[in-house]
Protein backbone atom coordinates (compact mmCIF):
# COMPACT_ATOMS: atom_id res chain seq x y z
CA MET A 1 101.27 138.95 30.95
CA ALA A 2 102.81 135.55 30.89
CA THR A 3 101.65 133.13 28.27
CA SER A 4 101.63 129.45 28.98
CA LYS A 5 101.15 126.71 26.51
CA VAL A 6 98.26 124.38 27.29
CA ASN A 7 98.29 120.91 25.88
CA LEU A 8 94.85 119.62 24.96
CA ASN A 9 93.98 116.22 23.65
CA SER A 10 91.71 115.80 20.65
CA LYS A 11 88.55 115.14 22.72
CA GLU A 12 89.06 118.34 24.74
CA LYS A 13 89.70 120.28 21.52
CA ALA A 14 86.49 118.91 20.01
CA ASP A 15 84.51 119.75 23.16
CA LEU A 16 85.96 123.24 23.26
CA THR A 17 85.20 123.77 19.57
CA SER A 18 81.61 122.58 19.99
CA VAL A 19 81.11 124.92 22.97
CA LEU A 20 82.53 127.87 21.02
CA ASN A 21 80.34 127.04 18.01
CA TYR A 22 77.27 126.84 20.26
CA ILE A 23 78.09 130.20 21.85
CA SER A 24 78.67 131.93 18.52
CA LYS A 25 75.50 130.40 17.06
CA SER A 26 73.39 131.53 20.05
CA GLU A 27 74.90 135.03 19.82
CA GLN A 28 73.97 135.20 16.14
CA GLU A 29 70.42 134.06 16.87
CA PHE A 30 70.25 136.54 19.73
CA GLY A 31 71.30 139.36 17.40
CA VAL A 32 68.80 138.34 14.73
CA LYS A 33 66.02 138.12 17.32
CA TYR A 34 66.79 141.62 18.58
CA LEU A 35 67.00 142.92 15.03
CA ILE A 36 63.59 141.51 14.18
CA ILE A 37 62.09 142.82 17.44
CA SER A 38 63.56 146.29 16.98
CA LEU A 39 62.42 146.49 13.36
CA SER A 40 58.91 145.38 14.29
CA ILE A 41 58.79 148.02 17.05
CA LEU A 42 59.96 150.63 14.56
CA VAL A 43 57.26 149.65 12.06
CA ILE A 44 54.57 149.70 14.76
CA MET A 45 55.69 153.15 15.92
CA LEU A 46 55.60 154.42 12.34
CA LEU A 47 52.10 153.01 11.88
CA ILE A 48 50.95 154.70 15.06
CA LEU A 49 52.77 158.02 14.75
CA GLY A 50 52.74 158.43 10.96
CA PRO A 51 49.07 159.37 10.65
CA LYS A 52 49.33 161.61 13.71
CA ILE A 53 52.24 163.54 12.20
CA TYR A 54 50.45 163.75 8.84
CA ILE A 55 47.24 165.05 10.42
CA ARG A 56 49.05 167.63 12.57
CA SER A 57 50.98 168.84 9.56
CA ASN A 58 47.80 169.22 7.53
CA ILE A 59 46.09 171.05 10.38
CA TYR A 60 49.03 173.45 10.59
CA TYR A 61 49.01 174.22 6.87
CA LYS A 62 45.21 174.57 6.79
CA SER A 63 45.31 176.98 9.73
CA MET A 64 47.98 179.02 7.94
CA TYR A 65 45.71 179.14 4.87
CA ILE A 66 42.73 180.16 7.03
CA GLU A 67 44.78 182.96 8.62
CA LYS A 68 45.74 184.19 5.16
CA LEU A 69 42.07 184.20 4.13
CA LYS A 70 41.10 186.06 7.32
CA TYR A 71 43.73 188.69 6.59
CA GLN A 72 42.44 189.08 3.03
CA TYR A 73 38.85 189.23 4.30
CA ASN A 74 39.70 191.99 6.79
CA SER A 75 41.54 193.89 4.05
CA LEU A 76 38.51 193.62 1.76
CA ILE A 77 36.20 194.85 4.52
CA ALA A 78 38.45 197.87 5.09
CA GLU A 79 38.61 198.52 1.34
CA ASN A 80 34.82 198.18 1.10
CA SER A 81 34.29 200.77 3.82
CA ASN A 82 36.73 203.13 2.06
CA LEU A 83 34.87 202.67 -1.21
CA LYS A 84 31.53 203.32 0.53
CA ASN A 85 32.95 206.54 1.98
CA LYS A 86 34.19 207.61 -1.46
CA LEU A 87 30.80 206.78 -2.95
CA GLU A 88 29.03 208.85 -0.31
CA LYS A 89 31.38 211.76 -0.99
CA THR A 90 30.75 211.45 -4.71
CA LYS A 91 26.97 211.29 -4.20
CA PHE A 92 27.13 214.29 -1.93
CA ASN A 93 29.24 216.22 -4.45
CA ASN A 94 26.81 215.31 -7.25
CA LEU A 95 23.88 216.35 -5.10
CA VAL A 96 25.55 219.66 -4.30
CA ILE A 97 26.46 220.27 -7.93
CA ASP A 98 22.89 219.40 -9.08
CA THR A 99 21.37 221.84 -6.58
CA THR A 100 23.63 224.68 -7.63
CA PHE A 101 22.50 224.55 -11.24
């Protein structure tokens, strides 16, 4: 690539500098605007989705707790029926022993 030296007078240099300053300033404002817009979108999404995530998480943990309670309930029902059977056997044995004496 060949480089050539360009001679500019002071007015052209000042114009070029002002154009470059304007471009860099508008790019900085453009970046700040997009930063503010993106952060506001992020905050809005968190405000919308945050409660939804929290509620779903709570529903999940509550359902796990309910399943645990159901399992314990079914175990207690099975244990209750076993105890009733043992009680009936004991009553029957006592009745048989009382009648033999």
